[in-house]
Amino acid sequence: MAKQAITLKIAGKSYPFNIESGKEEMYRLAEREVNSYLALIKQQNIKNWNDQDYLSMTALKFAIANVGMRQSREVDDEDLRQLEKIGTEIDAYLNDPKK
């Protein structure tokens, strides 16, 4: 796939990227989201915090959201047992000769 050069500005610093064509909008939205959350957390003016602390908390916020999303997509053994039980009940109902 073709590459495209873009520059993103995060926390006031520019970063050049070579990305797949067609993904610029996703990168731009991510740039805005990071900068927005960073501005929000910086408004708290936490004593003795520097830019690295604020950026670390911003990264942590997005990592927690990512982990939460992955965990919500995982199906555990109990879920599989319940789905199999429901599948068996539906199958029995649909194949009931008394209908």
PDB file of N, CA and C in Angstrom:
ATOM      1  N   MET A   1       0.839  -1.178   0.000  1.00  0.00           N
ATOM      2  CA  MET A   1       0.000   0.000   0.000  1.00  0.00           C
ATOM      3  C   MET A   1       0.888   1.247   0.000  1.00  0.00           C
ATOM      4  N   ALA A   2       0.422   2.284  -0.651  1.00  0.00           N
ATOM      5  CA  ALA A   2       1.191   3.523  -0.767  1.00  0.00           C
ATOM      6  C   ALA A   2       1.320   4.212   0.588  1.00  0.00           C
ATOM      7  N   LYS A   3       2.436   4.887   0.763  1.00  0.00           N
ATOM      8  CA  LYS A   3       2.706   5.612   2.005  1.00  0.00           C
ATOM      9  C   LYS A   3       2.506   7.102   1.797  1.00  0.00           C
ATOM     10  N   GLN A   4       2.261   7.779   2.889  1.00  0.00           N
ATOM     11  CA  GLN A   4       2.029   9.218   2.865  1.00  0.00           C
ATOM     12  C   GLN A   4       2.753   9.820   4.057  1.00  0.00           C
ATOM     13  N   ALA A   5       3.402  10.942   3.855  1.00  0.00           N
ATOM     14  CA  ALA A   5       4.114  11.628   4.934  1.00  0.00           C
ATOM     15  C   ALA A   5       3.179  12.648   5.583  1.00  0.00           C
ATOM     16  N   ILE A   6       3.071  12.572   6.906  1.00  0.00           N
ATOM     17  CA  ILE A   6       2.302  13.567   7.651  1.00  0.00           C
ATOM     18  C   ILE A   6       3.101  13.963   8.885  1.00  0.00           C
ATOM     19  N   THR A   7       2.726  15.081   9.474  1.00  0.00           N
ATOM     20  CA  THR A   7       3.345  15.532  10.710  1.00  0.00           C
ATOM     21  C   THR A   7       2.245  15.770  11.729  1.00  0.00           C
ATOM     22  N   LEU A   8       2.396  15.145  12.890  1.00  0.00           N
ATOM     23  CA  LEU A   8       1.443  15.336  13.979  1.00  0.00           C
ATOM     24  C   LEU A   8       2.103  16.161  15.068  1.00  0.00           C
ATOM     25  N   LYS A   9       1.312  16.998  15.691  1.00  0.00           N
ATOM     26  CA  LYS A   9       1.819  17.832  16.777  1.00  0.00           C
ATOM     27  C   LYS A   9       1.170  17.356  18.078  1.00  0.00           C
ATOM     28  N   ILE A  10       2.000  16.808  18.953  1.00  0.00           N
ATOM     29  CA  ILE A  10       1.537  16.295  20.245  1.00  0.00           C
ATOM     30  C   ILE A  10       2.237  17.088  21.336  1.00  0.00           C
ATOM     31  N   ALA A  11       1.454  17.672  22.223  1.00  0.00           N
ATOM     32  CA  ALA A  11       2.001  18.459  23.340  1.00  0.00           C
ATOM     33  C   ALA A  11       2.968  19.534  22.846  1.00  0.00           C
ATOM     34  N   GLY A  12       2.649  20.121  21.697  1.00  0.00           N
ATOM     35  CA  GLY A  12       3.455  21.213  21.176  1.00  0.00           C
ATOM     36  C   GLY A  12       4.681  20.802  20.386  1.00  0.00           C
ATOM     37  N   LYS A  13       4.940  19.524  20.253  1.00  0.00           N
ATOM     38  CA  LYS A  13       6.115  19.054  19.505  1.00  0.00           C
ATOM     39  C   LYS A  13       5.652  18.320  18.248  1.00  0.00           C
ATOM     40  N   SER A  14       6.326  18.567  17.141  1.00  0.00           N
ATOM     41  CA  SER A  14       5.976  17.944  15.867  1.00  0.00           C
ATOM     42  C   SER A  14       6.688  16.614  15.698  1.00  0.00           C
ATOM     43  N   TYR A  15       5.929  15.644  15.158  1.00  0.00           N
ATOM     44  CA  TYR A  15       6.458  14.304  14.912  1.00  0.00           C
ATOM     45  C   TYR A  15       6.104  13.885  13.490  1.00  0.00           C
ATOM     46  N   PRO A  16       7.116  13.588  12.661  1.00  0.00           N
ATOM     47  CA  PRO A  16       6.830  13.140  11.296  1.00  0.00           C
ATOM     48  C   PRO A  16       6.519  11.638  11.272  1.00  0.00           C
ATOM     49  N   PHE A  17       5.574  11.260  10.424  1.00  0.00           N
ATOM     50  CA  PHE A  17       5.191   9.861  10.243  1.00  0.00           C
ATOM     51  C   PHE A  17       5.047   9.559   8.771  1.00  0.00           C
ATOM     52  N   ASN A  18       5.348   8.334   8.398  1.00  0.00           N
ATOM     53  CA  ASN A  18       5.019   7.797   7.082  1.00  0.00           C
ATOM     54  C   ASN A  18       3.947   6.750   7.330  1.00  0.00           C
ATOM     55  N   ILE A  19       2.743   7.037   6.880  1.00  0.00           N
ATOM     56  CA  ILE A  19       1.608   6.165   7.163  1.00  0.00           C
ATOM     57  C   ILE A  19       1.009   5.649   5.864  1.00  0.00           C
ATOM     58  N   GLU A  20       0.176   4.626   5.990  1.00  0.00           N
ATOM     59  CA  GLU A  20      -0.530   4.115   4.826  1.00  0.00           C
ATOM     60  C   GLU A  20      -1.524   5.170   4.354  1.00  0.00           C
ATOM     61  N   SER A  21      -1.586   5.359   3.053  1.00  0.00           N
ATOM     62  CA  SER A  21      -2.558   6.294   2.494  1.00  0.00           C
ATOM     63  C   SER A  21      -3.952   5.863   2.927  1.00  0.00           C
ATOM     64  N   GLY A  22      -4.777   6.817   3.211  1.00  0.00           N
ATOM     65  CA  GLY A  22      -6.135   6.498   3.645  1.00  0.00           C
ATOM     66  C   GLY A  22      -6.291   6.449   5.151  1.00  0.00           C
ATOM     67  N   LYS A  23      -5.204   6.522   5.904  1.00  0.00           N
ATOM     68  CA  LYS A  23      -5.289   6.466   7.357  1.00  0.00           C
ATOM     69  C   LYS A  23      -5.034   7.818   8.021  1.00  0.00           C
ATOM     70  N   GLU A  24      -4.904   8.855   7.208  1.00  0.00           N
ATOM     71  CA  GLU A  24      -4.593  10.167   7.770  1.00  0.00           C
ATOM     72  C   GLU A  24      -5.673  10.635   8.740  1.00  0.00           C
ATOM     73  N   GLU A  25      -6.930  10.455   8.395  1.00  0.00           N
ATOM     74  CA  GLU A  25      -8.008  10.920   9.267  1.00  0.00           C
ATOM     75  C   GLU A  25      -7.923  10.267  10.647  1.00  0.00           C
ATOM     76  N   MET A  26      -7.630   8.971  10.673  1.00  0.00           N
ATOM     77  CA  MET A  26      -7.511   8.267  11.947  1.00  0.00           C
ATOM     78  C   MET A  26      -6.379   8.866  12.784  1.00  0.00           C
ATOM     79  N   TYR A  27      -5.253   9.143  12.152  1.00  0.00           N
ATOM     80  CA  TYR A  27      -4.117   9.739  12.861  1.00  0.00           C
ATOM     81  C   TYR A  27      -4.451  11.138  13.363  1.00  0.00           C
ATOM     82  N   ARG A  28      -5.129  11.924  12.531  1.00  0.00           N
ATOM     83  CA  ARG A  28      -5.501  13.287  12.928  1.00  0.00           C
ATOM     84  C   ARG A  28      -6.481  13.272  14.098  1.00  0.00           C
ATOM     85  N   LEU A  29      -7.439  12.351  14.069  1.00  0.00           N
ATOM     86  CA  LEU A  29      -8.389  12.241  15.180  1.00  0.00           C
ATOM     87  C   LEU A  29      -7.673  11.825  16.463  1.00  0.00           C
ATOM     88  N   ALA A  30      -6.735  10.908  16.346  1.00  0.00           N
ATOM     89  CA  ALA A  30      -5.963  10.475  17.515  1.00  0.00           C
ATOM     90  C   ALA A  30      -5.135  11.634  18.067  1.00  0.00           C
ATOM     91  N   GLU A  31      -4.540  12.399  17.174  1.00  0.00           N
ATOM     92  CA  GLU A  31      -3.760  13.578  17.583  1.00  0.00           C
ATOM     93  C   GLU A  31      -4.630  14.537  18.394  1.00  0.00           C
ATOM     94  N   ARG A  32      -5.830  14.820  17.877  1.00  0.00           N
ATOM     95  CA  ARG A  32      -6.742  15.735  18.583  1.00  0.00           C
ATOM     96  C   ARG A  32      -7.172  15.172  19.934  1.00  0.00           C
ATOM     97  N   GLU A  33      -7.444  13.891  19.962  1.00  0.00           N
ATOM     98  CA  GLU A  33      -7.893  13.274  21.211  1.00  0.00           C
ATOM     99  C   GLU A  33      -6.804  13.320  22.285  1.00  0.00           C
ATOM    100  N   VAL A  34      -5.580  12.993  21.903  1.00  0.00           N
ATOM    101  CA  VAL A  34      -4.468  13.044  22.860  1.00  0.00           C
ATOM    102  C   VAL A  34      -4.276  14.472  23.364  1.00  0.00           C
ATOM    103  N   ASN A  35      -4.231  15.424  22.453  1.00  0.00           N
ATOM    104  CA  ASN A  35      -4.018  16.817  22.859  1.00  0.00           C
ATOM    105  C   ASN A  35      -5.173  17.337  23.716  1.00  0.00           C
ATOM    106  N   SER A  36      -6.397  16.931  23.408  1.00  0.00           N
ATOM    107  CA  SER A  36      -7.553  17.368  24.202  1.00  0.00           C
ATOM    108  C   SER A  36      -7.479  16.818  25.622  1.00  0.00           C
ATOM    109  N   TYR A  37      -7.182  15.520  25.741  1.00  0.00           N
ATOM    110  CA  TYR A  37      -7.106  14.940  27.080  1.00  0.00           C
ATOM    111  C   TYR A  37      -5.921  15.524  27.843  1.00  0.00           C
ATOM    112  N   LEU A  38      -4.817  15.739  27.166  1.00  0.00           N
ATOM    113  CA  LEU A  38      -3.643  16.336  27.806  1.00  0.00           C
ATOM    114  C   LEU A  38      -3.982  17.725  28.347  1.00  0.00           C
ATOM    115  N   ALA A  39      -4.686  18.528  27.559  1.00  0.00           N
ATOM    116  CA  ALA A  39      -5.090  19.868  28.014  1.00  0.00           C
ATOM    117  C   ALA A  39      -6.017  19.771  29.220  1.00  0.00           C
ATOM    118  N   LEU A  40      -6.917  18.810  29.193  1.00  0.00           N
ATOM    119  CA  LEU A  40      -7.849  18.624  30.298  1.00  0.00           C
ATOM    120  C   LEU A  40      -7.124  18.266  31.592  1.00  0.00           C
ATOM    121  N   ILE A  41      -6.195  17.341  31.506  1.00  0.00           N
ATOM    122  CA  ILE A  41      -5.469  16.913  32.713  1.00  0.00           C
ATOM    123  C   ILE A  41      -4.510  17.999  33.195  1.00  0.00           C
ATOM    124  N   LYS A  42      -3.973  18.787  32.265  1.00  0.00           N
ATOM    125  CA  LYS A  42      -3.074  19.881  32.666  1.00  0.00           C
ATOM    126  C   LYS A  42      -3.823  20.983  33.413  1.00  0.00           C
ATOM    127  N   GLN A  43      -5.111  21.106  33.168  1.00  0.00           N
ATOM    128  CA  GLN A  43      -5.912  22.115  33.861  1.00  0.00           C
ATOM    129  C   GLN A  43      -5.974  21.860  35.369  1.00  0.00           C
ATOM    130  N   GLN A  44      -5.676  20.635  35.763  1.00  0.00           N
ATOM    131  CA  GLN A  44      -5.719  20.289  37.187  1.00  0.00           C
ATOM    132  C   GLN A  44      -4.538  20.888  37.958  1.00  0.00           C
ATOM    133  N   ASN A  45      -3.509  21.335  37.244  1.00  0.00           N
ATOM    134  CA  ASN A  45      -2.337  21.965  37.867  1.00  0.00           C
ATOM    135  C   ASN A  45      -1.855  21.206  39.104  1.00  0.00           C
ATOM    136  N   ILE A  46      -1.519  19.959  38.907  1.00  0.00           N
ATOM    137  CA  ILE A  46      -1.066  19.131  40.026  1.00  0.00           C
ATOM    138  C   ILE A  46       0.329  19.574  40.454  1.00  0.00           C
ATOM    139  N   LYS A  47       0.482  19.799  41.734  1.00  0.00           N
ATOM    140  CA  LYS A  47       1.730  20.324  42.292  1.00  0.00           C
ATOM    141  C   LYS A  47       2.896  19.376  41.999  1.00  0.00           C
ATOM    142  N   ASN A  48       4.013  19.951  41.583  1.00  0.00           N
ATOM    143  CA  ASN A  48       5.268  19.253  41.285  1.00  0.00           C
ATOM    144  C   ASN A  48       5.194  18.334  40.060  1.00  0.00           C
ATOM    145  N   TRP A  49       4.186  18.489  39.219  1.00  0.00           N
ATOM    146  CA  TRP A  49       4.115  17.701  37.999  1.00  0.00           C
ATOM    147  C   TRP A  49       4.696  18.510  36.850  1.00  0.00           C
ATOM    148  N   ASN A  50       5.402  17.800  35.954  1.00  0.00           N
ATOM    149  CA  ASN A  50       5.917  18.446  34.749  1.00  0.00           C
ATOM    150  C   ASN A  50       5.217  17.843  33.533  1.00  0.00           C
ATOM    151  N   ASP A  51       5.633  18.265  32.338  1.00  0.00           N
ATOM    152  CA  ASP A  51       4.985  17.763  31.122  1.00  0.00           C
ATOM    153  C   ASP A  51       5.068  16.247  31.003  1.00  0.00           C
ATOM    154  N   GLN A  52       6.181  15.664  31.436  1.00  0.00           N
ATOM    155  CA  GLN A  52       6.309  14.208  31.360  1.00  0.00           C
ATOM    156  C   GLN A  52       5.252  13.519  32.221  1.00  0.00           C
ATOM    157  N   ASP A  53       4.982  14.064  33.405  1.00  0.00           N
ATOM    158  CA  ASP A  53       3.955  13.485  34.273  1.00  0.00           C
ATOM    159  C   ASP A  53       2.579  13.544  33.608  1.00  0.00           C
ATOM    160  N   TYR A  54       2.258  14.703  33.020  1.00  0.00           N
ATOM    161  CA  TYR A  54       0.970  14.853  32.349  1.00  0.00           C
ATOM    162  C   TYR A  54       0.857  13.916  31.145  1.00  0.00           C
ATOM    163  N   LEU A  55       1.934  13.810  30.370  1.00  0.00           N
ATOM    164  CA  LEU A  55       1.925  12.891  29.225  1.00  0.00           C
ATOM    165  C   LEU A  55       1.817  11.437  29.680  1.00  0.00           C
ATOM    166  N   SER A  56       2.466  11.104  30.786  1.00  0.00           N
ATOM    167  CA  SER A  56       2.374   9.736  31.316  1.00  0.00           C
ATOM    168  C   SER A  56       0.943   9.404  31.716  1.00  0.00           C
ATOM    169  N   MET A  57       0.266  10.328  32.361  1.00  0.00           N
ATOM    170  CA  MET A  57      -1.119  10.090  32.762  1.00  0.00           C
ATOM    171  C   MET A  57      -2.046  10.024  31.552  1.00  0.00           C
ATOM    172  N   THR A  58      -1.735  10.806  30.529  1.00  0.00           N
ATOM    173  CA  THR A  58      -2.504  10.738  29.289  1.00  0.00           C
ATOM    174  C   THR A  58      -2.329   9.366  28.644  1.00  0.00           C
ATOM    175  N   ALA A  59      -1.096   8.883  28.578  1.00  0.00           N
ATOM    176  CA  ALA A  59      -0.825   7.558  28.013  1.00  0.00           C
ATOM    177  C   ALA A  59      -1.519   6.473  28.834  1.00  0.00           C
ATOM    178  N   LEU A  60      -1.488   6.610  30.146  1.00  0.00           N
ATOM    179  CA  LEU A  60      -2.139   5.632  31.020  1.00  0.00           C
ATOM    180  C   LEU A  60      -3.642   5.599  30.771  1.00  0.00           C
ATOM    181  N   LYS A  61      -4.258   6.762  30.603  1.00  0.00           N
ATOM    182  CA  LYS A  61      -5.697   6.832  30.336  1.00  0.00           C
ATOM    183  C   LYS A  61      -6.041   6.047  29.076  1.00  0.00           C
ATOM    184  N   PHE A  62      -5.263   6.228  28.015  1.00  0.00           N
ATOM    185  CA  PHE A  62      -5.542   5.530  26.770  1.00  0.00           C
ATOM    186  C   PHE A  62      -5.222   4.040  26.867  1.00  0.00           C
ATOM    187  N   ALA A  63      -4.205   3.682  27.629  1.00  0.00           N
ATOM    188  CA  ALA A  63      -3.882   2.265  27.821  1.00  0.00           C
ATOM    189  C   ALA A  63      -5.000   1.566  28.592  1.00  0.00           C
ATOM    190  N   ILE A  64      -5.521   2.223  29.624  1.00  0.00           N
ATOM    191  CA  ILE A  64      -6.622   1.641  30.398  1.00  0.00           C
ATOM    192  C   ILE A  64      -7.849   1.450  29.503  1.00  0.00           C
ATOM    193  N   ALA A  65      -8.154   2.435  28.679  1.00  0.00           N
ATOM    194  CA  ALA A  65      -9.289   2.325  27.757  1.00  0.00           C
ATOM    195  C   ALA A  65      -9.080   1.174  26.778  1.00  0.00           C
ATOM    196  N   ASN A  66      -7.863   1.015  26.283  1.00  0.00           N
ATOM    197  CA  ASN A  66      -7.541  -0.057  25.348  1.00  0.00           C
ATOM    198  C   ASN A  66      -7.701  -1.426  26.004  1.00  0.00           C
ATOM    199  N   VAL A  67      -7.163  -1.586  27.213  1.00  0.00           N
ATOM    200  CA  VAL A  67      -7.271  -2.856  27.934  1.00  0.00           C
ATOM    201  C   VAL A  67      -8.739  -3.166  28.230  1.00  0.00           C
ATOM    202  N   GLY A  68      -9.479  -2.151  28.666  1.00  0.00           N
ATOM    203  CA  GLY A  68     -10.899  -2.354  28.945  1.00  0.00           C
ATOM    204  C   GLY A  68     -11.667  -2.804  27.719  1.00  0.00           C
ATOM    205  N   MET A  69     -11.354  -2.213  26.570  1.00  0.00           N
ATOM    206  CA  MET A  69     -12.014  -2.600  25.340  1.00  0.00           C
ATOM    207  C   MET A  69     -11.677  -4.040  24.959  1.00  0.00           C
ATOM    208  N   ARG A  70     -10.407  -4.412  25.082  1.00  0.00           N
ATOM    209  CA  ARG A  70     -10.009  -5.793  24.767  1.00  0.00           C
ATOM    210  C   ARG A  70     -10.686  -6.783  25.702  1.00  0.00           C
ATOM    211  N   GLN A  71     -10.729  -6.466  26.989  1.00  0.00           N
ATOM    212  CA  GLN A  71     -11.345  -7.372  27.950  1.00  0.00           C
ATOM    213  C   GLN A  71     -12.840  -7.508  27.701  1.00  0.00           C
ATOM    214  N   SER A  72     -13.489  -6.449  27.299  1.00  0.00           N
ATOM    215  CA  SER A  72     -14.928  -6.524  27.053  1.00  0.00           C
ATOM    216  C   SER A  72     -15.234  -7.382  25.832  1.00  0.00           C
ATOM    217  N   ARG A  73     -14.276  -7.563  24.969  1.00  0.00           N
ATOM    218  CA  ARG A  73     -14.465  -8.392  23.764  1.00  0.00           C
ATOM    219  C   ARG A  73     -14.174  -9.861  24.018  1.00  0.00           C
ATOM    220  N   GLU A  74     -13.487 -10.166  25.102  1.00  0.00           N
ATOM    221  CA  GLU A  74     -13.114 -11.548  25.383  1.00  0.00           C
ATOM    222  C   GLU A  74     -14.314 -12.319  25.925  1.00  0.00           C
ATOM    223  N   VAL A  75     -14.434 -13.547  25.491  1.00  0.00           N
ATOM    224  CA  VAL A  75     -15.487 -14.417  25.979  1.00  0.00           C
ATOM    225  C   VAL A  75     -14.812 -15.468  26.854  1.00  0.00           C
ATOM    226  N   ASP A  76     -15.252 -15.573  28.118  1.00  0.00           N
ATOM    227  CA  ASP A  76     -14.618 -16.554  28.995  1.00  0.00           C
ATOM    228  C   ASP A  76     -15.355 -17.888  28.933  1.00  0.00           C
ATOM    229  N   ASP A  77     -14.835 -18.889  29.658  1.00  0.00           N
ATOM    230  CA  ASP A  77     -15.391 -20.241  29.631  1.00  0.00           C
ATOM    231  C   ASP A  77     -16.853 -20.285  30.065  1.00  0.00           C
ATOM    232  N   GLU A  78     -17.198 -19.520  31.093  1.00  0.00           N
ATOM    233  CA  GLU A  78     -18.583 -19.505  31.568  1.00  0.00           C
ATOM    234  C   GLU A  78     -19.504 -18.956  30.487  1.00  0.00           C
ATOM    235  N   ASP A  79     -19.066 -17.920  29.802  1.00  0.00           N
ATOM    236  CA  ASP A  79     -19.864 -17.368  28.706  1.00  0.00           C
ATOM    237  C   ASP A  79     -20.080 -18.413  27.618  1.00  0.00           C
ATOM    238  N   LEU A  80     -19.014 -19.165  27.294  1.00  0.00           N
ATOM    239  CA  LEU A  80     -19.144 -20.203  26.270  1.00  0.00           C
ATOM    240  C   LEU A  80     -20.115 -21.288  26.706  1.00  0.00           C
ATOM    241  N   ARG A  81     -20.060 -21.693  27.972  1.00  0.00           N
ATOM    242  CA  ARG A  81     -20.987 -22.713  28.477  1.00  0.00           C
ATOM    243  C   ARG A  81     -22.430 -22.218  28.374  1.00  0.00           C
ATOM    244  N   GLN A  82     -22.651 -20.961  28.738  1.00  0.00           N
ATOM    245  CA  GLN A  82     -23.999 -20.397  28.664  1.00  0.00           C
ATOM    246  C   GLN A  82     -24.484 -20.327  27.211  1.00  0.00           C
ATOM    247  N   LEU A  83     -23.603 -19.932  26.306  1.00  0.00           N
ATOM    248  CA  LEU A  83     -23.978 -19.871  24.896  1.00  0.00           C
ATOM    249  C   LEU A  83     -24.295 -21.259  24.341  1.00  0.00           C
ATOM    250  N   GLU A  84     -23.504 -22.261  24.726  1.00  0.00           N
ATOM    251  CA  GLU A  84     -23.770 -23.632  24.274  1.00  0.00           C
ATOM    252  C   GLU A  84     -25.104 -24.124  24.822  1.00  0.00           C
ATOM    253  N   LYS A  85     -25.401 -23.804  26.080  1.00  0.00           N
ATOM    254  CA  LYS A  85     -26.668 -24.210  26.697  1.00  0.00           C
ATOM    255  C   LYS A  85     -27.836 -23.567  25.962  1.00  0.00           C
ATOM    256  N   ILE A  86     -27.729 -22.279  25.691  1.00  0.00           N
ATOM    257  CA  ILE A  86     -28.787 -21.574  24.974  1.00  0.00           C
ATOM    258  C   ILE A  86     -28.947 -22.155  23.567  1.00  0.00           C
ATOM    259  N   GLY A  87     -27.821 -22.445  22.917  1.00  0.00           N
ATOM    260  CA  GLY A  87     -27.862 -23.046  21.588  1.00  0.00           C
ATOM    261  C   GLY A  87     -28.567 -24.388  21.599  1.00  0.00           C
ATOM    262  N   THR A  88     -28.298 -25.199  22.609  1.00  0.00           N
ATOM    263  CA  THR A  88     -28.945 -26.509  22.749  1.00  0.00           C
ATOM    264  C   THR A  88     -30.444 -26.336  22.983  1.00  0.00           C
ATOM    265  N   GLU A  89     -30.820 -25.380  23.834  1.00  0.00           N
ATOM    266  CA  GLU A  89     -32.233 -25.136  24.112  1.00  0.00           C
ATOM    267  C   GLU A  89     -32.962 -24.647  22.860  1.00  0.00           C
ATOM    268  N   ILE A  90     -32.338 -23.765  22.106  1.00  0.00           N
ATOM    269  CA  ILE A  90     -32.951 -23.261  20.871  1.00  0.00           C
ATOM    270  C   ILE A  90     -33.108 -24.391  19.870  1.00  0.00           C
ATOM    271  N   ASP A  91     -32.067 -25.212  19.747  1.00  0.00           N
ATOM    272  CA  ASP A  91     -32.100 -26.346  18.827  1.00  0.00           C
ATOM    273  C   ASP A  91     -33.222 -27.304  19.204  1.00  0.00           C
ATOM    274  N   ALA A  92     -33.345 -27.616  20.496  1.00  0.00           N
ATOM    275  CA  ALA A  92     -34.396 -28.525  20.956  1.00  0.00           C
ATOM    276  C   ALA A  92     -35.785 -27.935  20.672  1.00  0.00           C
ATOM    277  N   TYR A  93     -35.932 -26.646  20.916  1.00  0.00           N
ATOM    278  CA  TYR A  93     -37.218 -25.996  20.678  1.00  0.00           C
ATOM    279  C   TYR A  93     -37.588 -26.029  19.198  1.00  0.00           C
ATOM    280  N   LEU A  94     -36.612 -25.694  18.344  1.00  0.00           N
ATOM    281  CA  LEU A  94     -36.883 -25.656  16.911  1.00  0.00           C
ATOM    282  C   LEU A  94     -37.122 -27.043  16.326  1.00  0.00           C
ATOM    283  N   ASN A  95     -36.566 -28.062  16.925  1.00  0.00           N
ATOM    284  CA  ASN A  95     -36.705 -29.423  16.402  1.00  0.00           C
ATOM    285  C   ASN A  95     -37.729 -30.247  17.169  1.00  0.00           C
ATOM    286  N   ASP A  96     -38.535 -29.611  17.984  1.00  0.00           N
ATOM    287  CA  ASP A  96     -39.551 -30.310  18.773  1.00  0.00           C
ATOM    288  C   ASP A  96     -40.660 -30.804  17.833  1.00  0.00           C
ATOM    289  N   PRO A  97     -40.874 -32.132  17.767  1.00  0.00           N
ATOM    290  CA  PRO A  97     -41.874 -32.673  16.839  1.00  0.00           C
ATOM    291  C   PRO A  97     -43.307 -32.342  17.259  1.00  0.00           C
ATOM    292  N   LYS A  98     -43.524 -31.881  18.484  1.00  0.00           N
ATOM    293  CA  LYS A  98     -44.867 -31.566  18.971  1.00  0.00           C
ATOM    294  C   LYS A  98     -45.403 -30.278  18.372  1.00  0.00           C
ATOM    295  N   LYS A  99     -44.610 -29.576  17.623  1.00  0.00           N
ATOM    296  CA  LYS A  99     -45.032 -28.296  17.050  1.00  0.00           C
ATOM    297  C   LYS A  99     -45.651 -28.476  15.709  1.00  0.00           C
TER     298      LYS A  99
END
